[in-house]
Protein backbone atom coordinates (compact mmCIF):
# COMPACT_ATOMS: atom_id res chain seq x y z
CA MET A 1 23.93 114.69 -23.03
CA LEU A 2 26.52 113.10 -20.80
CA VAL A 3 27.90 115.70 -18.46
CA LEU A 4 31.08 115.16 -16.46
CA LEU A 5 31.29 117.67 -13.67
CA ASP A 6 34.28 118.73 -11.64
CA CYS A 7 34.44 118.77 -7.85
CA ARG A 8 33.60 122.50 -7.77
CA MET A 9 29.98 121.68 -8.57
CA SER A 10 27.73 122.84 -5.76
CA SER A 11 24.80 120.52 -6.47
CA TRP A 12 22.70 118.93 -9.19
CA SER A 13 20.13 121.65 -8.52
CA GLY A 14 22.74 124.23 -9.61
CA VAL A 15 23.13 122.40 -12.89
CA GLY A 16 19.34 122.19 -13.14
CA ARG A 17 18.97 125.93 -12.64
CA TYR A 18 21.63 126.56 -15.28
CA THR A 19 19.99 124.30 -17.87
CA THR A 20 16.55 125.72 -17.04
CA GLY A 21 17.93 129.20 -17.65
CA LEU A 22 19.44 128.07 -20.93
CA ALA A 23 16.13 126.53 -22.00
CA ARG A 24 14.31 129.78 -21.18
CA ALA A 25 16.85 131.82 -23.14
CA LEU A 26 16.51 129.51 -26.15
CA ALA A 27 12.71 129.42 -25.91
CA ALA A 28 12.70 133.21 -26.25
CA ARG A 29 14.29 132.91 -29.69
CA ASP A 30 12.06 132.66 -32.75
CA ASP A 31 14.39 130.28 -34.62
CA ILE A 32 14.44 127.49 -32.01
CA GLU A 33 11.66 125.15 -30.96
CA LEU A 34 12.08 123.35 -27.66
CA VAL A 35 10.14 120.14 -27.13
CA PRO A 36 9.89 118.97 -23.52
CA VAL A 37 10.41 115.26 -22.92
CA THR A 38 10.67 113.02 -19.87
CA SER A 39 13.13 110.21 -19.17
CA GLU A 40 10.57 107.85 -20.72
CA PHE A 41 11.38 109.37 -24.12
CA PHE A 42 14.88 107.85 -23.97
CA ALA A 43 14.02 104.62 -22.13
CA GLU A 44 13.82 102.30 -25.16
CA GLU A 45 17.05 103.42 -26.82
CA PHE A 46 19.05 104.12 -23.63
CA PRO A 47 17.68 101.89 -20.87
CA SER A 48 19.35 102.36 -17.52
CA VAL A 49 18.51 102.35 -13.87
CA ARG A 50 19.62 105.41 -11.99
CA PRO A 51 22.02 104.67 -9.14
CA ARG A 52 21.17 105.72 -5.58
CA SER A 53 24.05 108.18 -5.73
CA GLU A 54 25.53 109.67 -8.87
CA ILE A 55 28.52 111.15 -7.06
CA MET A 56 31.81 109.87 -8.39
CA ARG A 57 35.28 110.95 -7.43
CA ASN A 58 38.59 109.70 -8.71
CA MET A 59 40.61 109.54 -5.50
CA VAL A 60 43.76 108.29 -7.27
CA LEU A 61 43.79 111.35 -9.56
CA ASP A 62 43.19 113.57 -6.51
CA LEU A 63 46.11 111.99 -4.65
CA GLN A 64 48.41 112.45 -7.65
CA GLY A 65 47.29 116.05 -8.17
CA MET A 66 46.07 115.15 -11.65
CA ASN A 67 42.32 115.71 -11.25
CA THR A 68 42.24 118.83 -13.40
CA MET A 69 38.75 118.98 -14.84
CA ARG A 70 37.60 122.40 -15.92
CA PRO A 71 34.71 124.12 -14.15
CA TRP A 72 31.47 122.54 -15.40
CA ARG A 73 30.01 125.78 -16.75
CA VAL A 74 33.09 126.38 -18.89
CA ALA A 75 32.93 122.83 -20.29
CA ILE A 76 29.19 122.98 -21.04
CA GLU A 77 29.45 126.39 -22.71
CA GLU A 78 32.37 125.25 -24.88
CA TYR A 79 30.44 122.13 -25.91
CA LEU A 80 27.32 124.12 -26.78
CA MET A 81 29.19 126.78 -28.76
CA THR A 82 31.15 124.09 -30.65
CA GLU A 83 28.37 121.62 -31.40
CA PHE A 84 25.56 124.17 -31.80
CA SER A 85 27.28 127.05 -33.55
CA PHE A 86 23.98 128.86 -34.12
CA LEU A 87 23.87 129.70 -30.41
CA ARG A 88 24.84 133.18 -29.40
CA ALA A 89 27.01 134.07 -26.42
CA SER A 90 24.03 136.03 -25.09
CA ASP A 91 21.99 132.79 -24.93
CA LEU A 92 24.56 131.33 -22.56
CA ALA A 93 24.94 134.56 -20.60
CA ASN A 94 21.19 134.64 -19.99
CA SER A 95 21.24 131.08 -18.66
CA ALA A 96 24.11 131.87 -16.28
CA ARG A 97 22.02 134.59 -14.61
CA VAL A 98 19.48 132.00 -13.51
CA ALA A 99 21.96 129.47 -12.07
């Protein structure tokens, strides 16, 4: 999943805690099977070298007052509820408690 995050993000560890909480909430459901994988799983189909820093900022949009990305949690939750309609709002609420 490609995730674009706004400047209100505190850290990648915050995103990690959120997704870990979501995984735990989903693992508690009987109708979902989670299969852990590492980056190696995707290496053949999506080869890429991670940059030293993944921080990106669009200074021109900032200067023009047009950098209006939504908070990352709102964007992720909308994506999950749209693309995975079997999820329940409680699944997402449980993950937010961990982050």
